[in-house]
Amino acid sequence: MCLFHFHLHGHHIIPLIGGATALVGDPSGRATEREPAEEEKTRSSAESLTAAVSHFFARALEYAQSRIVLKPNRFIEIRPKNNAKWHREMTMMDFLRDVGVHARVNTMLNKESVRARLASPHGISFTEFSYQLLQAYDFHYLHRNFGCTVQIGGSDQWGNILAGIALIQRPPPPIAFGLTTPLLTTAAGVKFGKSAGNAVWLDPELTSIFNFYQYFVRTADTEVEKYLKLLTLMSWQDINDTMEAHKLQPEQRIAQRRLASELTELVHTSALLPSLAPVCSDQRHAEAGLATAETLTRLTFDSDLSGVSASQVVNALEGSGIQVHKITRLELFEIPIAKLAVRCGLATSGEVTAMTAAARILILSRGLYYNNRPVPEVHFMLKDFHLLDNKIVILKAGKDKLAVLALEDA
């Protein structure tokens, strides 16, 4: 998004794909050595990432057109660069002569990520130790061949960026600058990324539109305002209004739903109306994914589900991993809801009696819901008027563990 803001202000931006450096791996922010990457897999990933990045900027520009006033003829074409191109052309002797000669080992050893790894039992390999010089050469190459004067990266890239600036300025006087942004981290302070197993991908084949939307709906209250400011083009007034509404009904996750909707539109769906532009199959798929995610979010958080149709629910749950449990009318209305929760897998334990006890504990702690209403007491039984669309009942345990009971004859 930082790069996109530069693009919106008329700067020539160069998204850099690490087709070569991915084979090595950056030690920054890591406690252990990365697993070696396979060259063919890395090449394929670089091609996919290049396509995803190009797609993102095209979508983001459409998103921006619906949020802010853009000056016409201001945008320079975005062409991602893959550093595999120039690193493959460089021999080891070239690297030592043109890059290594300017590197000071004591400076490299003083880098925080290197010091941390040297102090650990795992140590650091020469491969990862050299990573900072490869990234430094990337900046040098882009500066020399494309006039790139600013490198932007996460805060963990500060040392690598400084290494690039130092290489560019040998010999002086060429000027180059570095800009870092705070990392997006979990509550535990772990940065998001594929290596940590918590990546959110731009490619819908890797993170479905449904899961993408749901991920941001689950954003913690402590983080959501920051994300609205960092990751969307909403106005400050709009963000403030959204947060005020959220504070009045935090259980409705108003701010999280706005965040999820904004980012899904930014990354996956066109901001243009269908009447103004043809809707391609990818666009229809994206819009269907967003509709599915919004429906499931409503099932999870809305207190009033009276207008929900059974077909809408079944369609939304398809492929989500949430099961629809068929049940007879007799069973639905004559089995206590605690046992129905056990049947649906919402209360788990080793034995049936323990599971029923777990369901009762959920009820007593107001953690079991039917149609997003807390179950009032442990012997509660459903009635005909509790059915949504005369066909289904939504059961929920905790904040987001769902199950659907559907009449067999419905």
Protein backbone atom coordinates (compact mmCIF):
# COMPACT_ATOMS: atom_id res chain seq x y z
CA MET A 1 0.00 0.00 0.00
CA CYS A 2 2.90 2.34 0.68
CA LEU A 3 4.16 1.76 -2.87
CA PHE A 4 0.64 2.29 -4.20
CA HIS A 5 0.43 5.69 -2.49
CA PHE A 6 3.61 6.72 -4.31
CA HIS A 7 2.01 5.52 -7.55
CA LEU A 8 -1.12 7.61 -6.89
CA HIS A 9 1.09 10.68 -6.52
CA GLY A 10 2.68 10.20 -9.93
CA HIS A 11 5.93 8.48 -9.00
CA HIS A 12 7.47 5.71 -11.10
CA ILE A 13 7.33 2.63 -8.89
CA ILE A 14 9.19 -0.65 -9.44
CA PRO A 15 7.77 -3.67 -7.57
CA LEU A 16 10.72 -6.02 -7.06
CA ILE A 17 10.20 -9.78 -7.21
CA GLY A 18 12.89 -11.80 -5.41
CA GLY A 19 13.27 -14.65 -7.88
CA ALA A 20 16.97 -14.95 -7.01
CA THR A 21 17.08 -13.89 -3.36
CA ALA A 22 14.25 -16.31 -2.55
CA LEU A 23 16.72 -19.11 -3.22
CA VAL A 24 18.85 -17.75 -0.37
CA GLY A 25 16.39 -16.37 2.18
CA ASP A 26 16.58 -13.29 4.37
CA PRO A 27 17.60 -14.05 8.00
CA SER A 28 15.89 -10.87 9.26
CA GLY A 29 13.28 -11.65 11.89
CA ARG A 30 14.04 -15.38 11.89
CA ALA A 31 15.44 -17.55 14.67
CA THR A 32 16.39 -20.50 12.43
CA GLU A 33 17.74 -21.22 8.95
CA ARG A 34 15.23 -21.33 6.11
CA GLU A 35 14.59 -24.56 4.26
CA PRO A 36 16.43 -24.54 0.91
CA ALA A 37 14.12 -23.53 -1.93
CA GLU A 38 13.86 -25.57 -5.12
CA GLU A 39 14.86 -23.53 -8.16
CA GLU A 40 11.97 -24.61 -10.41
CA LYS A 41 9.42 -24.01 -7.65
CA THR A 42 10.94 -20.60 -6.94
CA ARG A 43 10.79 -19.66 -10.63
CA SER A 44 7.13 -20.67 -10.82
CA SER A 45 6.35 -18.77 -7.61
CA ALA A 46 8.07 -15.66 -8.97
CA GLU A 47 5.95 -15.79 -12.12
CA SER A 48 2.77 -16.19 -10.08
CA LEU A 49 3.77 -13.36 -7.76
CA THR A 50 4.54 -11.08 -10.70
CA ALA A 51 1.04 -11.72 -12.07
CA ALA A 52 -0.54 -11.21 -8.63
CA VAL A 53 1.30 -7.92 -8.07
CA SER A 54 0.32 -6.60 -11.51
CA HIS A 55 -3.28 -7.64 -10.87
CA PHE A 56 -3.22 -5.95 -7.45
CA PHE A 57 -2.15 -2.58 -8.80
CA ALA A 58 -4.75 -2.72 -11.57
CA ARG A 59 -7.50 -3.53 -9.04
CA ALA A 60 -6.18 -0.99 -6.55
CA LEU A 61 -6.40 1.78 -9.12
CA GLU A 62 -10.06 0.93 -9.76
CA TYR A 63 -10.63 0.92 -6.00
CA ALA A 64 -8.96 4.33 -5.69
CA GLN A 65 -11.18 5.77 -8.43
CA SER A 66 -14.21 5.09 -6.23
CA ARG A 67 -12.65 6.65 -3.11
CA ILE A 68 -10.63 9.71 -4.09
CA VAL A 69 -10.31 12.23 -6.92
CA LEU A 70 -7.52 11.16 -9.26
CA LYS A 71 -5.68 13.40 -11.69
CA PRO A 72 -5.88 12.08 -15.28
CA ASN A 73 -2.78 11.02 -17.22
CA ARG A 74 -0.74 10.97 -14.03
CA PHE A 75 0.13 7.31 -13.77
CA ILE A 76 3.29 5.73 -15.11
CA GLU A 77 2.98 2.11 -16.23
CA ILE A 78 3.96 -0.35 -13.52
CA ARG A 79 6.41 -3.04 -14.60
CA PRO A 80 7.60 -5.43 -11.87
CA LYS A 81 11.25 -6.50 -12.05
CA ASN A 82 12.58 -9.94 -11.12
CA ASN A 83 16.08 -9.86 -9.61
CA ALA A 84 16.78 -13.31 -11.07
CA LYS A 85 17.51 -11.51 -14.35
CA TRP A 86 20.62 -9.67 -13.18
CA HIS A 87 21.80 -12.12 -10.51
CA ARG A 88 21.93 -14.95 -13.07
CA GLU A 89 24.14 -12.79 -15.28
CA MET A 90 26.62 -12.18 -12.45
CA THR A 91 29.45 -14.64 -11.78
CA MET A 92 30.95 -15.25 -8.34
CA MET A 93 34.06 -13.31 -9.40
CA ASP A 94 31.88 -10.40 -10.55
CA PHE A 95 30.09 -10.41 -7.19
CA LEU A 96 33.30 -10.44 -5.14
CA ARG A 97 34.92 -7.74 -7.28
CA ASP A 98 31.95 -5.38 -7.67
CA VAL A 99 30.04 -5.92 -4.42
CA GLY A 100 32.15 -7.82 -1.90
CA VAL A 101 35.07 -5.41 -2.15
CA HIS A 102 32.88 -2.61 -0.75
CA ALA A 103 31.43 -4.66 2.13
CA ARG A 104 32.94 -4.46 5.61
CA VAL A 105 32.55 -7.66 7.59
CA ASN A 106 32.41 -5.85 10.94
CA THR A 107 29.47 -3.79 9.66
CA MET A 108 27.73 -6.93 8.41
CA LEU A 109 28.31 -8.66 11.76
CA ASN A 110 26.79 -5.72 13.63
CA LYS A 111 23.47 -6.13 11.86
CA GLU A 112 20.85 -7.03 14.49
CA SER A 113 19.51 -10.11 12.68
CA VAL A 114 23.05 -11.46 12.24
CA ARG A 115 24.01 -10.83 15.88
CA ALA A 116 20.84 -12.54 17.08
CA ARG A 117 21.54 -15.60 14.94
CA LEU A 118 25.20 -15.77 15.98
CA ALA A 119 24.09 -15.79 19.61
CA SER A 120 21.64 -18.64 19.01
CA PRO A 121 22.50 -22.36 19.06
CA HIS A 122 21.68 -22.57 15.33
CA GLY A 123 24.14 -19.91 14.21
CA ILE A 124 23.94 -18.54 10.66
CA SER A 125 25.13 -19.95 7.34
CA PHE A 126 27.34 -18.03 4.93
CA THR A 127 24.41 -18.16 2.48
CA GLU A 128 22.05 -16.20 4.71
CA PHE A 129 24.89 -14.00 5.97
CA SER A 130 25.45 -12.89 2.35
CA TYR A 131 21.78 -12.04 1.77
CA GLN A 132 22.23 -8.38 2.73
CA LEU A 133 24.80 -7.95 -0.06
CA LEU A 134 22.44 -9.46 -2.64
CA GLN A 135 19.69 -7.03 -1.64
CA ALA A 136 22.20 -4.19 -1.63
CA TYR A 137 23.12 -5.05 -5.21
CA ASP A 138 19.42 -5.05 -6.18
CA PHE A 139 19.12 -1.41 -5.11
CA HIS A 140 22.41 -0.58 -6.85
CA TYR A 141 21.23 -2.23 -10.10
CA LEU A 142 17.84 -0.50 -10.09
CA HIS A 143 19.49 2.84 -9.27
CA ARG A 144 21.99 2.51 -12.12
CA ASN A 145 19.63 1.11 -14.78
CA PHE A 146 16.24 2.62 -13.93
CA GLY A 147 17.04 5.71 -11.87
CA CYS A 148 15.51 4.26 -8.69
CA THR A 149 16.43 6.57 -5.79
CA VAL A 150 14.21 5.28 -2.97
CA GLN A 151 13.88 1.75 -1.61
CA ILE A 152 10.82 0.94 0.51
CA GLY A 153 10.60 -2.06 2.80
CA GLY A 154 9.41 -3.34 6.15
CA SER A 155 11.20 -2.15 9.27
CA ASP A 156 13.17 -5.41 9.38
CA GLN A 157 14.79 -4.43 6.06
CA TRP A 158 16.49 -1.29 7.39
CA GLY A 159 19.97 -2.82 7.52
CA ASN A 160 19.65 -4.29 4.03
CA ILE A 161 18.47 -0.95 2.64
CA LEU A 162 21.39 0.89 4.27
CA ALA A 163 23.76 -1.63 2.69
CA GLY A 164 22.27 -0.77 -0.71
CA ILE A 165 22.63 2.97 -0.12
CA ALA A 166 26.26 2.47 0.90
CA LEU A 167 26.95 0.46 -2.27
CA ILE A 168 25.30 3.09 -4.48
CA GLN A 169 27.40 5.84 -2.90
CA ARG A 170 30.70 4.13 -3.70
CA PRO A 171 32.15 6.21 -5.14
CA PRO A 172 30.07 9.31 -4.23
CA PRO A 173 28.18 11.51 -4.96
CA PRO A 174 25.03 9.51 -6.13
CA ILE A 175 22.17 10.01 -3.67
CA ALA A 176 19.77 7.30 -2.57
CA PHE A 177 17.20 7.04 0.20
CA GLY A 178 15.55 4.34 2.28
CA LEU A 179 12.04 4.26 3.74
CA THR A 180 10.72 1.58 6.09
CA THR A 181 7.23 0.90 7.38
CA PRO A 182 6.16 -0.93 10.56
CA LEU A 183 5.61 -4.65 10.08
CA LEU A 184 2.14 -6.10 10.42
CA THR A 185 2.48 -8.58 13.26
CA THR A 186 0.33 -10.90 15.33
CA ALA A 187 -0.58 -10.06 18.93
CA ALA A 188 2.50 -12.10 19.89
CA GLY A 189 4.72 -9.87 17.75
CA VAL A 190 5.33 -12.47 15.00
CA LYS A 191 5.38 -10.97 11.51
CA PHE A 192 2.97 -12.25 8.89
CA GLY A 193 4.53 -14.38 6.18
CA LYS A 194 4.57 -17.70 4.40
CA SER A 195 7.46 -19.00 6.49
CA ALA A 196 5.52 -18.34 9.70
CA GLY A 197 2.48 -20.10 8.23
CA ASN A 198 0.13 -17.13 8.64
CA ALA A 199 0.34 -15.52 5.21
CA VAL A 200 -2.65 -13.90 3.53
CA TRP A 201 -2.11 -14.26 -0.22
CA LEU A 202 -3.23 -11.92 -3.00
CA ASP A 203 -3.80 -14.96 -5.24
CA PRO A 204 -7.35 -16.35 -4.70
CA GLU A 205 -5.99 -19.81 -5.53
CA LEU A 206 -3.86 -19.62 -2.37
CA THR A 207 -6.22 -17.65 -0.11
CA SER A 208 -9.82 -17.90 -1.28
CA ILE A 209 -11.89 -14.73 -1.38
CA PHE A 210 -14.07 -16.27 1.33
CA ASN A 211 -11.08 -16.93 3.63
CA PHE A 212 -9.54 -13.56 2.77
CA TYR A 213 -12.69 -11.76 3.91
CA GLN A 214 -13.09 -13.92 7.01
CA TYR A 215 -9.47 -13.35 8.02
CA PHE A 216 -10.02 -9.61 8.35
CA VAL A 217 -13.43 -10.03 9.99
CA ARG A 218 -11.53 -11.78 12.80
CA THR A 219 -9.20 -8.80 13.34
CA ALA A 220 -8.85 -7.90 17.01
CA ASP A 221 -10.58 -4.75 18.24
CA THR A 222 -7.17 -3.39 19.25
CA GLU A 223 -5.88 -3.62 15.66
CA VAL A 224 -8.84 -2.81 13.43
CA GLU A 225 -8.60 1.00 13.47
CA LYS A 226 -4.89 0.83 12.62
CA TYR A 227 -5.61 -1.48 9.69
CA LEU A 228 -8.37 0.80 8.39
CA LYS A 229 -5.86 3.66 8.33
CA LEU A 230 -2.95 1.69 6.87
CA LEU A 231 -4.64 -0.59 4.36
CA THR A 232 -7.62 1.32 2.94
CA LEU A 233 -8.28 4.65 1.23
CA MET A 234 -11.15 5.54 3.56
CA SER A 235 -11.22 9.16 4.71
CA TRP A 236 -10.31 9.95 8.30
CA GLN A 237 -13.89 11.05 8.93
CA ASP A 238 -15.25 7.80 7.53
CA ILE A 239 -12.86 5.80 9.72
CA ASN A 240 -13.82 7.82 12.81
CA ASP A 241 -17.54 7.35 12.09
CA THR A 242 -17.01 3.61 11.58
CA MET A 243 -15.13 3.28 14.87
CA GLU A 244 -17.80 5.24 16.76
CA ALA A 245 -20.50 2.93 15.40
CA HIS A 246 -18.33 -0.07 16.27
CA LYS A 247 -17.89 1.05 19.88
CA LEU A 248 -21.66 1.20 20.33
CA GLN A 249 -22.09 -2.43 19.17
CA PRO A 250 -18.69 -4.16 19.32
CA GLU A 251 -20.31 -7.60 19.14
CA GLN A 252 -21.50 -6.76 15.60
CA ARG A 253 -17.87 -6.25 14.48
CA ILE A 254 -18.89 -3.26 12.38
CA ALA A 255 -15.32 -2.02 11.95
CA GLN A 256 -13.99 -5.48 11.09
CA ARG A 257 -16.69 -6.03 8.50
CA ARG A 258 -15.94 -2.66 6.92
CA LEU A 259 -12.23 -3.51 6.87
CA ALA A 260 -12.90 -6.91 5.27
CA SER A 261 -15.22 -5.39 2.67
CA GLU A 262 -12.77 -2.59 1.77
CA LEU A 263 -9.81 -4.95 1.40
CA THR A 264 -11.76 -7.55 -0.56
CA GLU A 265 -12.82 -4.84 -2.99
CA LEU A 266 -9.26 -3.48 -3.11
CA VAL A 267 -7.67 -6.85 -3.88
CA HIS A 268 -10.34 -8.90 -5.64
CA THR A 269 -13.38 -7.02 -6.93
CA SER A 270 -13.79 -4.18 -9.38
CA ALA A 271 -15.03 -0.87 -8.06
CA LEU A 272 -16.66 -0.19 -11.42
CA LEU A 273 -20.36 -0.82 -11.81
CA PRO A 274 -21.29 -3.67 -14.20
CA SER A 275 -23.08 -1.12 -16.39
CA LEU A 276 -19.82 0.76 -16.88
CA ALA A 277 -17.55 -2.18 -17.60
CA PRO A 278 -17.93 -5.78 -18.78
CA VAL A 279 -17.97 -8.28 -15.95
CA CYS A 280 -15.56 -11.10 -16.73
CA SER A 281 -15.74 -14.59 -15.23
CA ASP A 282 -13.01 -13.72 -12.70
CA GLN A 283 -15.00 -10.67 -11.66
CA ARG A 284 -18.19 -12.71 -11.22
CA HIS A 285 -16.22 -15.26 -9.19
CA ALA A 286 -14.82 -12.50 -6.98
CA GLU A 287 -18.23 -10.93 -6.42
CA ALA A 288 -19.72 -14.34 -5.61
CA GLY A 289 -16.91 -14.97 -3.14
CA LEU A 290 -17.49 -11.62 -1.46
CA ALA A 291 -21.25 -12.27 -1.25
CA THR A 292 -20.58 -15.68 0.31
CA ALA A 293 -18.19 -14.21 2.86
CA GLU A 294 -20.63 -11.44 3.77
CA THR A 295 -23.45 -13.96 4.23
CA LEU A 296 -21.37 -16.16 6.50
CA THR A 297 -20.28 -13.12 8.50
CA ARG A 298 -23.91 -12.19 8.96
CA LEU A 299 -24.69 -15.73 10.15
CA THR A 300 -21.84 -15.45 12.65
CA PHE A 301 -22.47 -12.01 14.11
CA ASP A 302 -25.91 -10.52 13.28
CA SER A 303 -28.47 -10.70 16.08
CA ASP A 304 -31.38 -10.56 13.62
CA LEU A 305 -31.39 -13.37 11.05
CA SER A 306 -35.10 -13.20 10.27
CA GLY A 307 -34.58 -12.30 6.61
CA VAL A 308 -32.09 -15.08 5.84
CA SER A 309 -33.23 -17.71 3.34
CA ALA A 310 -32.29 -21.39 3.63
CA SER A 311 -30.92 -21.49 0.08
CA GLN A 312 -28.77 -18.44 0.77
CA VAL A 313 -27.27 -20.16 3.81
CA VAL A 314 -26.62 -23.47 2.02
CA ASN A 315 -24.97 -21.68 -0.91
CA ALA A 316 -22.81 -19.61 1.42
CA LEU A 317 -21.62 -22.66 3.33
CA GLU A 318 -20.66 -24.65 0.23
CA GLY A 319 -16.92 -25.17 0.30
CA SER A 320 -16.54 -23.37 3.64
CA GLY A 321 -15.99 -26.52 5.70
CA ILE A 322 -19.11 -25.85 7.79
CA GLN A 323 -21.49 -28.78 7.66
CA VAL A 324 -25.24 -28.76 7.15
CA HIS A 325 -26.72 -31.49 9.37
CA LYS A 326 -29.97 -33.02 8.16
CA ILE A 327 -32.44 -33.75 10.95
CA THR A 328 -36.06 -34.85 11.24
CA ARG A 329 -38.69 -32.50 12.61
CA LEU A 330 -39.29 -34.91 15.50
CA GLU A 331 -35.61 -34.93 16.51
CA LEU A 332 -35.21 -31.17 16.16
CA PHE A 333 -38.06 -30.37 18.51
CA GLU A 334 -37.73 -33.23 21.02
CA ILE A 335 -33.97 -33.39 21.66
CA PRO A 336 -32.49 -30.81 24.08
CA ILE A 337 -30.29 -28.27 22.35
CA ALA A 338 -27.27 -29.39 24.41
CA LYS A 339 -27.42 -32.82 22.75
CA LEU A 340 -27.98 -31.25 19.33
CA ALA A 341 -24.79 -29.25 19.86
CA VAL A 342 -22.94 -32.48 20.62
CA ARG A 343 -24.35 -34.13 17.48
CA CYS A 344 -23.08 -31.19 15.39
CA GLY A 345 -19.61 -31.34 16.90
CA LEU A 346 -19.86 -28.00 18.69
CA ALA A 347 -19.06 -29.56 22.07
CA THR A 348 -16.14 -31.97 21.98
CA SER A 349 -14.63 -34.26 24.58
CA GLY A 350 -13.61 -37.89 24.92
CA GLU A 351 -16.99 -39.46 25.69
CA VAL A 352 -20.61 -38.68 24.93
CA THR A 353 -21.47 -37.89 28.55
CA ALA A 354 -18.47 -35.56 28.77
CA MET A 355 -19.48 -33.89 25.50
CA THR A 356 -22.99 -33.28 26.84
CA ALA A 357 -21.46 -31.82 29.99
CA ALA A 358 -19.25 -29.59 27.83
CA ALA A 359 -22.34 -28.37 25.98
CA ARG A 360 -24.05 -27.57 29.27
CA ILE A 361 -21.01 -25.61 30.41
CA LEU A 362 -21.18 -23.66 27.15
CA ILE A 363 -24.83 -22.84 27.83
CA LEU A 364 -24.21 -21.78 31.43
CA SER A 365 -21.39 -19.48 30.28
CA ARG A 366 -23.65 -18.07 27.54
CA GLY A 367 -21.35 -19.47 24.89
CA LEU A 368 -23.90 -21.52 22.91
CA TYR A 369 -26.26 -19.73 20.51
CA TYR A 370 -29.20 -20.55 18.27
CA ASN A 371 -29.68 -18.06 15.42
CA ASN A 372 -27.15 -15.86 17.26
CA ARG A 373 -29.28 -15.72 20.40
CA PRO A 374 -27.78 -17.17 23.59
CA VAL A 375 -29.37 -20.42 24.74
CA PRO A 376 -31.13 -19.43 27.99
CA GLU A 377 -30.85 -22.67 29.98
CA VAL A 378 -29.48 -26.22 29.74
CA HIS A 379 -32.83 -27.94 29.12
CA PHE A 380 -33.84 -25.53 26.35
CA MET A 381 -35.57 -27.12 23.35
CA LEU A 382 -36.19 -25.61 19.94
CA LYS A 383 -39.70 -24.80 18.73
CA ASP A 384 -41.20 -24.46 15.28
CA PHE A 385 -41.06 -20.66 15.41
CA HIS A 386 -37.26 -20.78 15.88
CA LEU A 387 -36.79 -22.01 12.30
CA LEU A 388 -35.30 -19.60 9.78
CA ASP A 389 -37.23 -19.67 6.51
CA ASN A 390 -39.20 -22.55 8.11
CA LYS A 391 -36.27 -24.85 7.29
CA ILE A 392 -33.04 -24.26 9.24
CA VAL A 393 -31.53 -23.32 12.60
CA ILE A 394 -28.02 -21.89 13.02
CA LEU A 395 -26.08 -23.15 16.05
CA LYS A 396 -22.91 -21.41 17.20
CA ALA A 397 -20.36 -22.18 19.91
CA GLY A 398 -18.15 -19.33 21.04
CA LYS A 399 -17.47 -16.52 18.59
CA ASP A 400 -17.36 -18.29 15.25
CA LYS A 401 -17.81 -22.08 15.42
CA LEU A 402 -20.93 -22.72 13.33
CA ALA A 403 -23.22 -25.60 12.46
CA VAL A 404 -26.52 -25.67 10.58
CA LEU A 405 -29.48 -27.93 11.32
CA ALA A 406 -31.76 -28.41 8.31
CA LEU A 407 -35.06 -30.29 8.22
CA GLU A 408 -34.85 -33.41 6.07
CA ASP A 409 -38.13 -32.63 4.35
CA ALA A 410 -37.15 -29.00 3.69
